Amino acid sequence: MRYMKLIAVPLLLGVTVYGRPTRSQEKQSEPTQQTKIPAHAKVYIAPMGGFETPLKKAIADKKVPIEIVEQREQSEYEITGTSDSKKASTAKKVIMGSWHSDEDASIKVASLKSGEIVYAYAVHKQDSAHGQKSTAEACAKHLKDEAVAAK
């Protein structure tokens, strides 16, 4: 028993001392300053298999301070992405009593000048009552809150 204590104490001390990051490691793990999209920047929304329509509406409804343009050549930034909708199966309808779909969407915003991706966001909505509208609104809300610089 005494022998186990002699092994356990140094082992525990080694974990607590060596398990912590050093000051230089803490500084390296801090996130870098993200490039914000300037307010009222011209943004082109690329075709996304029909998801661009609810996304444009959500950006307008959420009052995201960007200007959406119809020509890519006129824009400073481009939003690309994907959307997937999985309708409720018969089993889900019968057993769970839910007719709502599962929705996935992801967007990324790239600067056309530098090619740098300045923002990316992905969302998963399970049992979404409003389909693509829900994921488009989530994308627009986070775009406004996290990616676009204040006025």
N, C-alpha and C. Protein backbone atom coordinates (compact mmCIF):
# COMPACT_ATOMS: atom_id res chain seq x y z
N MET A 1 0.82 -1.19 0.00
CA MET A 1 0.00 0.00 0.00
C MET A 1 0.87 1.26 0.00
N ARG A 2 1.93 1.23 0.85
CA ARG A 2 2.81 2.39 0.93
C ARG A 2 3.52 2.61 -0.41
N TYR A 3 3.85 1.53 -1.08
CA TYR A 3 4.51 1.59 -2.38
C TYR A 3 3.61 2.29 -3.41
N MET A 4 2.31 2.04 -3.38
CA MET A 4 1.38 2.66 -4.32
C MET A 4 1.30 4.17 -4.09
N LYS A 5 1.39 4.62 -2.83
CA LYS A 5 1.37 6.05 -2.53
C LYS A 5 2.62 6.72 -3.09
N LEU A 6 3.74 6.06 -3.01
CA LEU A 6 4.98 6.63 -3.53
C LEU A 6 4.91 6.82 -5.04
N ILE A 7 4.21 5.97 -5.73
CA ILE A 7 4.06 6.09 -7.18
C ILE A 7 2.97 7.09 -7.52
N ALA A 8 1.86 7.08 -6.80
CA ALA A 8 0.70 7.91 -7.12
C ALA A 8 0.97 9.39 -6.92
N VAL A 9 1.66 9.79 -5.86
CA VAL A 9 1.89 11.21 -5.57
C VAL A 9 2.72 11.88 -6.67
N PRO A 10 3.89 11.34 -7.04
CA PRO A 10 4.63 11.99 -8.14
C PRO A 10 3.85 11.97 -9.46
N LEU A 11 3.09 10.92 -9.68
CA LEU A 11 2.31 10.84 -10.90
C LEU A 11 1.25 11.94 -10.94
N LEU A 12 0.56 12.16 -9.84
CA LEU A 12 -0.44 13.23 -9.76
C LEU A 12 0.21 14.60 -9.90
N LEU A 13 1.34 14.80 -9.27
CA LEU A 13 2.04 16.08 -9.39
C LEU A 13 2.49 16.31 -10.83
N GLY A 14 2.94 15.27 -11.47
CA GLY A 14 3.35 15.39 -12.87
C GLY A 14 2.20 15.78 -13.77
N VAL A 15 1.02 15.25 -13.52
CA VAL A 15 -0.15 15.57 -14.33
C VAL A 15 -0.56 17.02 -14.10
N THR A 16 -0.56 17.48 -12.84
CA THR A 16 -1.01 18.85 -12.58
C THR A 16 0.00 19.87 -13.05
N VAL A 17 1.29 19.58 -12.91
CA VAL A 17 2.31 20.54 -13.33
C VAL A 17 2.46 20.55 -14.84
N TYR A 18 2.57 19.37 -15.44
CA TYR A 18 2.85 19.29 -16.87
C TYR A 18 1.59 19.33 -17.73
N GLY A 19 0.42 19.15 -17.13
CA GLY A 19 -0.82 19.18 -17.87
C GLY A 19 -1.29 20.59 -18.22
N ARG A 20 -0.76 21.58 -17.50
CA ARG A 20 -1.16 22.96 -17.75
C ARG A 20 -0.36 23.56 -18.90
N PRO A 21 -0.99 24.41 -19.70
CA PRO A 21 -0.23 25.08 -20.75
C PRO A 21 0.64 26.18 -20.15
N THR A 22 1.79 26.37 -20.72
CA THR A 22 2.66 27.46 -20.27
C THR A 22 2.11 28.78 -20.78
N ARG A 23 2.65 29.88 -20.30
CA ARG A 23 2.18 31.20 -20.71
C ARG A 23 2.30 31.38 -22.22
N SER A 24 3.39 30.93 -22.82
CA SER A 24 3.56 31.12 -24.26
C SER A 24 2.54 30.28 -25.03
N GLN A 25 2.20 29.09 -24.52
CA GLN A 25 1.20 28.27 -25.18
C GLN A 25 -0.18 28.91 -25.08
N GLU A 26 -0.50 29.55 -23.94
CA GLU A 26 -1.79 30.22 -23.78
C GLU A 26 -1.92 31.36 -24.79
N LYS A 27 -0.87 32.12 -24.98
CA LYS A 27 -0.93 33.23 -25.92
C LYS A 27 -1.08 32.74 -27.35
N GLN A 28 -0.46 31.62 -27.67
CA GLN A 28 -0.56 31.09 -29.03
C GLN A 28 -1.95 30.55 -29.32
N SER A 29 -2.67 30.09 -28.28
CA SER A 29 -3.97 29.50 -28.52
C SER A 29 -5.09 30.55 -28.58
N GLU A 30 -4.79 31.81 -28.30
CA GLU A 30 -5.81 32.85 -28.40
C GLU A 30 -6.20 33.04 -29.85
N PRO A 31 -7.51 33.27 -30.11
CA PRO A 31 -7.92 33.46 -31.50
C PRO A 31 -7.35 34.74 -32.08
N THR A 32 -7.07 34.72 -33.36
CA THR A 32 -6.55 35.91 -34.01
C THR A 32 -7.69 36.86 -34.32
N GLN A 33 -7.37 38.11 -34.54
CA GLN A 33 -8.37 39.12 -34.88
C GLN A 33 -9.00 38.79 -36.22
N GLN A 34 -10.30 38.60 -36.23
CA GLN A 34 -11.00 38.25 -37.46
C GLN A 34 -11.27 39.50 -38.27
N THR A 35 -11.12 39.40 -39.58
CA THR A 35 -11.42 40.49 -40.47
C THR A 35 -12.93 40.65 -40.55
N LYS A 36 -13.41 41.85 -40.30
CA LYS A 36 -14.84 42.12 -40.36
C LYS A 36 -15.19 42.68 -41.73
N ILE A 37 -16.40 42.39 -42.16
CA ILE A 37 -16.91 42.94 -43.40
C ILE A 37 -17.38 44.35 -43.08
N PRO A 38 -16.94 45.35 -43.82
CA PRO A 38 -17.37 46.71 -43.52
C PRO A 38 -18.87 46.87 -43.73
N ALA A 39 -19.50 47.70 -42.91
CA ALA A 39 -20.92 47.98 -43.08
C ALA A 39 -21.16 48.57 -44.46
N HIS A 40 -22.25 48.19 -45.08
CA HIS A 40 -22.68 48.66 -46.41
C HIS A 40 -21.77 48.17 -47.54
N ALA A 41 -21.02 47.11 -47.30
CA ALA A 41 -20.18 46.52 -48.35
C ALA A 41 -21.10 45.86 -49.38
N LYS A 42 -20.64 45.84 -50.63
CA LYS A 42 -21.40 45.20 -51.70
C LYS A 42 -21.10 43.71 -51.70
N VAL A 43 -22.17 42.91 -51.60
CA VAL A 43 -22.02 41.47 -51.46
C VAL A 43 -22.87 40.77 -52.53
N TYR A 44 -22.26 39.80 -53.19
CA TYR A 44 -22.95 38.97 -54.17
C TYR A 44 -23.25 37.63 -53.53
N ILE A 45 -24.49 37.15 -53.68
CA ILE A 45 -24.86 35.84 -53.16
C ILE A 45 -24.93 34.88 -54.34
N ALA A 46 -24.02 33.93 -54.35
CA ALA A 46 -23.91 32.96 -55.44
C ALA A 46 -25.10 31.98 -55.40
N PRO A 47 -25.46 31.42 -56.56
CA PRO A 47 -26.52 30.41 -56.57
C PRO A 47 -26.16 29.22 -55.68
N MET A 48 -27.14 28.79 -54.87
CA MET A 48 -26.92 27.69 -53.92
C MET A 48 -28.05 26.67 -54.00
N GLY A 49 -28.51 26.40 -55.20
CA GLY A 49 -29.57 25.41 -55.35
C GLY A 49 -30.91 25.84 -54.76
N GLY A 50 -31.20 27.11 -54.79
CA GLY A 50 -32.46 27.62 -54.27
C GLY A 50 -32.36 28.24 -52.89
N PHE A 51 -31.28 27.97 -52.15
CA PHE A 51 -31.11 28.51 -50.79
C PHE A 51 -30.82 30.01 -50.82
N GLU A 52 -30.34 30.53 -51.96
CA GLU A 52 -30.01 31.96 -52.02
C GLU A 52 -31.24 32.83 -51.84
N THR A 53 -32.41 32.37 -52.26
CA THR A 53 -33.64 33.16 -52.14
C THR A 53 -34.04 33.38 -50.68
N PRO A 54 -34.19 32.32 -49.85
CA PRO A 54 -34.50 32.57 -48.44
C PRO A 54 -33.38 33.29 -47.71
N LEU A 55 -32.13 33.10 -48.15
CA LEU A 55 -31.01 33.81 -47.51
C LEU A 55 -31.08 35.30 -47.78
N LYS A 56 -31.38 35.69 -49.02
CA LYS A 56 -31.52 37.12 -49.34
C LYS A 56 -32.65 37.74 -48.53
N LYS A 57 -33.78 37.02 -48.43
CA LYS A 57 -34.92 37.53 -47.66
C LYS A 57 -34.56 37.66 -46.18
N ALA A 58 -33.87 36.67 -45.64
CA ALA A 58 -33.47 36.70 -44.22
C ALA A 58 -32.50 37.84 -43.95
N ILE A 59 -31.57 38.10 -44.87
CA ILE A 59 -30.62 39.20 -44.70
C ILE A 59 -31.37 40.53 -44.66
N ALA A 60 -32.38 40.67 -45.51
CA ALA A 60 -33.19 41.90 -45.51
C ALA A 60 -34.03 41.99 -44.23
N ASP A 61 -34.67 40.88 -43.82
CA ASP A 61 -35.52 40.88 -42.63
C ASP A 61 -34.73 41.16 -41.35
N LYS A 62 -33.52 40.62 -41.27
CA LYS A 62 -32.68 40.81 -40.08
C LYS A 62 -31.90 42.13 -40.11
N LYS A 63 -32.08 42.88 -41.19
CA LYS A 63 -31.43 44.19 -41.35
C LYS A 63 -29.91 44.11 -41.22
N VAL A 64 -29.33 43.12 -41.92
CA VAL A 64 -27.87 43.00 -41.96
C VAL A 64 -27.36 44.16 -42.81
N PRO A 65 -26.43 44.97 -42.26
CA PRO A 65 -26.00 46.19 -42.98
C PRO A 65 -25.03 45.92 -44.13
N ILE A 66 -25.51 45.19 -45.13
CA ILE A 66 -24.73 44.97 -46.35
C ILE A 66 -25.64 45.28 -47.54
N GLU A 67 -25.02 45.56 -48.68
CA GLU A 67 -25.78 45.83 -49.90
C GLU A 67 -25.64 44.62 -50.81
N ILE A 68 -26.75 43.97 -51.10
CA ILE A 68 -26.74 42.80 -51.97
C ILE A 68 -26.82 43.28 -53.42
N VAL A 69 -25.87 42.81 -54.23
CA VAL A 69 -25.85 43.16 -55.65
C VAL A 69 -26.10 41.90 -56.48
N GLU A 70 -26.63 42.09 -57.69
CA GLU A 70 -26.99 40.96 -58.55
C GLU A 70 -25.85 40.52 -59.47
N GLN A 71 -24.83 41.35 -59.64
CA GLN A 71 -23.70 41.03 -60.51
C GLN A 71 -22.44 40.81 -59.66
N ARG A 72 -21.78 39.70 -59.85
CA ARG A 72 -20.57 39.39 -59.08
C ARG A 72 -19.49 40.43 -59.30
N GLU A 73 -19.41 40.96 -60.52
CA GLU A 73 -18.37 41.94 -60.87
C GLU A 73 -18.52 43.25 -60.08
N GLN A 74 -19.71 43.54 -59.60
CA GLN A 74 -19.96 44.78 -58.86
C GLN A 74 -19.69 44.64 -57.36
N SER A 75 -19.39 43.44 -56.91
CA SER A 75 -19.29 43.19 -55.47
C SER A 75 -17.86 43.17 -54.95
N GLU A 76 -17.76 43.35 -53.64
CA GLU A 76 -16.49 43.26 -52.93
C GLU A 76 -16.34 41.90 -52.25
N TYR A 77 -17.49 41.30 -51.89
CA TYR A 77 -17.51 40.02 -51.18
C TYR A 77 -18.50 39.10 -51.87
N GLU A 78 -18.28 37.79 -51.67
CA GLU A 78 -19.19 36.80 -52.24
C GLU A 78 -19.58 35.80 -51.16
N ILE A 79 -20.88 35.51 -51.08
CA ILE A 79 -21.37 34.48 -50.16
C ILE A 79 -21.66 33.23 -50.99
N THR A 80 -21.04 32.13 -50.59
CA THR A 80 -21.30 30.83 -51.20
C THR A 80 -21.73 29.87 -50.10
N GLY A 81 -22.32 28.78 -50.48
CA GLY A 81 -22.71 27.83 -49.45
C GLY A 81 -23.54 26.69 -49.99
N THR A 82 -24.05 25.89 -49.05
CA THR A 82 -24.89 24.75 -49.37
C THR A 82 -26.04 24.67 -48.39
N SER A 83 -27.06 23.96 -48.81
CA SER A 83 -28.21 23.72 -47.94
C SER A 83 -28.75 22.34 -48.24
N ASP A 84 -29.17 21.64 -47.19
CA ASP A 84 -29.72 20.30 -47.34
C ASP A 84 -30.95 20.17 -46.47
N SER A 85 -31.99 19.60 -47.03
CA SER A 85 -33.24 19.41 -46.32
C SER A 85 -33.59 17.93 -46.32
N LYS A 86 -33.87 17.39 -45.15
CA LYS A 86 -34.25 15.99 -45.05
C LYS A 86 -35.67 15.94 -44.49
N LYS A 87 -36.60 15.56 -45.35
CA LYS A 87 -38.01 15.50 -44.97
C LYS A 87 -38.23 14.40 -43.94
N ALA A 88 -39.26 14.55 -43.12
CA ALA A 88 -39.59 13.57 -42.09
C ALA A 88 -40.01 12.25 -42.73
N SER A 89 -39.49 11.17 -42.22
CA SER A 89 -39.84 9.85 -42.74
C SER A 89 -41.21 9.43 -42.21
N THR A 90 -41.76 8.42 -42.81
CA THR A 90 -43.06 7.91 -42.36
C THR A 90 -42.97 7.43 -40.92
N ALA A 91 -41.87 6.78 -40.57
CA ALA A 91 -41.69 6.29 -39.20
C ALA A 91 -41.66 7.46 -38.21
N LYS A 92 -40.99 8.51 -38.57
CA LYS A 92 -40.93 9.68 -37.69
C LYS A 92 -42.31 10.30 -37.53
N LYS A 93 -43.06 10.34 -38.60
CA LYS A 93 -44.41 10.90 -38.54
C LYS A 93 -45.31 10.06 -37.65
N VAL A 94 -45.23 8.73 -37.80
CA VAL A 94 -46.11 7.84 -37.04
C VAL A 94 -45.68 7.73 -35.58
N ILE A 95 -44.40 7.45 -35.36
CA ILE A 95 -43.92 7.19 -34.00
C ILE A 95 -43.77 8.48 -33.19
N MET A 96 -43.15 9.48 -33.78
CA MET A 96 -42.86 10.72 -33.05
C MET A 96 -43.96 11.76 -33.21
N GLY A 97 -44.78 11.60 -34.21
CA GLY A 97 -45.83 12.59 -34.46
C GLY A 97 -45.29 13.90 -34.97
N SER A 98 -44.14 13.87 -35.65
CA SER A 98 -43.49 15.09 -36.13
C SER A 98 -43.39 15.07 -37.65
N TRP A 99 -43.89 16.10 -38.27
CA TRP A 99 -43.82 16.24 -39.72
C TRP A 99 -42.70 17.19 -40.13
N HIS A 100 -41.96 17.69 -39.18
CA HIS A 100 -40.94 18.70 -39.43
C HIS A 100 -39.68 18.08 -40.03
N SER A 101 -39.01 18.85 -40.85
CA SER A 101 -37.80 18.38 -41.53
C SER A 101 -36.55 18.72 -40.73
N ASP A 102 -35.46 18.05 -41.07
CA ASP A 102 -34.14 18.38 -40.52
C ASP A 102 -33.43 19.21 -41.59
N GLU A 103 -32.86 20.34 -41.17
CA GLU A 103 -32.24 21.27 -42.11
C GLU A 103 -30.78 21.48 -41.76
N ASP A 104 -29.94 21.53 -42.78
CA ASP A 104 -28.52 21.85 -42.65
C ASP A 104 -28.19 22.93 -43.65
N ALA A 105 -27.36 23.88 -43.23
CA ALA A 105 -26.89 24.91 -44.16
C ALA A 105 -25.52 25.39 -43.70
N SER A 106 -24.73 25.81 -44.66
CA SER A 106 -23.44 26.42 -44.34
C SER A 106 -23.17 27.51 -45.37
N ILE A 107 -22.58 28.59 -44.88
CA ILE A 107 -22.21 29.68 -45.78
C ILE A 107 -20.77 30.08 -45.49
N LYS A 108 -20.14 30.68 -46.49
CA LYS A 108 -18.84 31.29 -46.28
C LYS A 108 -18.80 32.58 -47.08
N VAL A 109 -18.15 33.57 -46.51
CA VAL A 109 -18.02 34.88 -47.15
C VAL A 109 -16.56 35.07 -47.48
N ALA A 110 -16.29 35.35 -48.76
CA ALA A 110 -14.91 35.53 -49.22
C ALA A 110 -14.75 36.92 -49.81
N SER A 111 -13.60 37.49 -49.57
CA SER A 111 -13.24 38.76 -50.21
C SER A 111 -12.84 38.45 -51.64
N LEU A 112 -13.46 39.13 -52.59
CA LEU A 112 -13.11 38.89 -53.99
C LEU A 112 -11.76 39.49 -54.35
N LYS A 113 -11.37 40.51 -53.61
CA LYS A 113 -10.10 41.18 -53.88
C LYS A 113 -8.91 40.30 -53.47
N SER A 114 -8.97 39.74 -52.25
CA SER A 114 -7.84 38.96 -51.75
C SER A 114 -8.06 37.45 -51.83
N GLY A 115 -9.31 37.01 -51.98
CA GLY A 115 -9.60 35.59 -51.99
C GLY A 115 -9.70 35.00 -50.60
N GLU A 116 -9.49 35.80 -49.57
CA GLU A 116 -9.52 35.34 -48.19
C GLU A 116 -10.96 35.08 -47.74
N ILE A 117 -11.16 33.97 -47.04
CA ILE A 117 -12.46 33.69 -46.44
C ILE A 117 -12.52 34.46 -45.13
N VAL A 118 -13.43 35.41 -45.04
CA VAL A 118 -13.50 36.28 -43.87
C VAL A 118 -14.51 35.80 -42.84
N TYR A 119 -15.43 34.90 -43.26
CA TYR A 119 -16.42 34.41 -42.31
C TYR A 119 -17.00 33.10 -42.83
N ALA A 120 -17.28 32.18 -41.92
CA ALA A 120 -17.94 30.92 -42.26
C ALA A 120 -18.87 30.54 -41.13
N TYR A 121 -19.99 29.95 -41.47
CA TYR A 121 -20.97 29.55 -40.45
C TYR A 121 -21.74 28.34 -40.96
N ALA A 122 -22.03 27.41 -40.07
CA ALA A 122 -22.83 26.23 -40.40
C ALA A 122 -23.90 26.07 -39.33
N VAL A 123 -25.07 25.62 -39.75
CA VAL A 123 -26.19 25.46 -38.82
C VAL A 123 -26.91 24.15 -39.11
N HIS A 124 -27.39 23.51 -38.05
CA HIS A 124 -28.21 22.31 -38.16
C HIS A 124 -29.46 22.54 -37.33
N LYS A 125 -30.61 22.45 -37.96
CA LYS A 125 -31.89 22.60 -37.27
C LYS A 125 -32.64 21.28 -37.36
N GLN A 126 -32.85 20.67 -36.21
CA GLN A 126 -33.59 19.42 -36.17
C GLN A 126 -35.05 19.74 -35.91
N ASP A 127 -35.95 19.06 -36.57
CA ASP A 127 -37.40 19.29 -36.46
C ASP A 127 -37.74 20.75 -36.76
N SER A 128 -37.26 21.24 -37.86
CA SER A 128 -37.48 22.62 -38.27
C SER A 128 -38.90 22.78 -38.83
N ALA A 129 -39.67 23.64 -38.20
CA ALA A 129 -41.05 23.86 -38.63
C ALA A 129 -41.12 24.69 -39.90
N HIS A 130 -40.11 25.48 -40.17
CA HIS A 130 -40.15 26.41 -41.30
C HIS A 130 -39.12 26.11 -42.39
N GLY A 131 -38.50 24.95 -42.35
CA GLY A 131 -37.60 24.53 -43.41
C GLY A 131 -36.40 25.43 -43.59
N GLN A 132 -36.09 25.75 -44.85
CA GLN A 132 -34.91 26.56 -45.17
C GLN A 132 -34.99 27.96 -44.56
N LYS A 133 -36.17 28.44 -44.31
CA LYS A 133 -36.31 29.77 -43.72
C LYS A 133 -35.59 29.83 -42.37
N SER A 134 -35.70 28.79 -41.57
CA SER A 134 -35.05 28.76 -40.25
C SER A 134 -33.54 28.83 -40.36
N THR A 135 -32.97 28.04 -41.25
CA THR A 135 -31.52 28.04 -41.38
C THR A 135 -31.02 29.34 -42.02
N ALA A 136 -31.79 29.88 -42.96
CA ALA A 136 -31.40 31.15 -43.58
C ALA A 136 -31.40 32.27 -42.55
N GLU A 137 -32.40 32.28 -41.68
CA GLU A 137 -32.47 33.30 -40.62
C GLU A 137 -31.32 33.15 -39.64
N ALA A 138 -30.94 31.92 -39.31
CA ALA A 138 -29.79 31.70 -38.42
C ALA A 138 -28.51 32.21 -39.06
N CYS A 139 -28.33 31.93 -40.35
CA CYS A 139 -27.14 32.41 -41.07
C CYS A 139 -27.11 33.94 -41.08
N ALA A 140 -28.24 34.57 -41.36
CA ALA A 140 -28.31 36.04 -41.42
C ALA A 140 -28.05 36.65 -40.05
N LYS A 141 -28.61 36.08 -39.00
CA LYS A 141 -28.42 36.60 -37.64
C LYS A 141 -26.95 36.56 -37.25
N HIS A 142 -26.31 35.42 -37.49
CA HIS A 142 -24.90 35.29 -37.12
C HIS A 142 -24.00 36.14 -38.02
N LEU A 143 -24.37 36.28 -39.24
CA LEU A 143 -23.64 37.17 -40.16
C LEU A 143 -23.66 38.59 -39.61
N LYS A 144 -24.82 39.04 -39.20
CA LYS A 144 -24.98 40.39 -38.65
C LYS A 144 -24.21 40.57 -37.33
N ASP A 145 -24.35 39.58 -36.44
CA ASP A 145 -23.75 39.70 -35.10
C ASP A 145 -22.24 39.50 -35.09
N GLU A 146 -21.72 38.65 -35.97
CA GLU A 146 -20.31 38.25 -35.87
C GLU A 146 -19.42 38.74 -37.00
N ALA A 147 -19.97 38.93 -38.19
CA ALA A 147 -19.09 39.16 -39.34
C ALA A 147 -19.09 40.59 -39.86
N VAL A 148 -20.18 41.30 -39.70
CA VAL A 148 -20.27 42.64 -40.27
C VAL A 148 -19.90 43.67 -39.19
N ALA A 149 -19.01 44.58 -39.55
CA ALA A 149 -18.59 45.62 -38.62
C ALA A 149 -19.76 46.55 -38.31
N ALA A 150 -19.77 47.06 -37.10
CA ALA A 150 -20.82 48.00 -36.70
C ALA A 150 -20.77 49.25 -37.58
N LYS A 151 -21.93 49.87 -37.70
CA LYS A 151 -22.03 51.06 -38.57
C LYS A 151 -21.12 52.17 -38.13
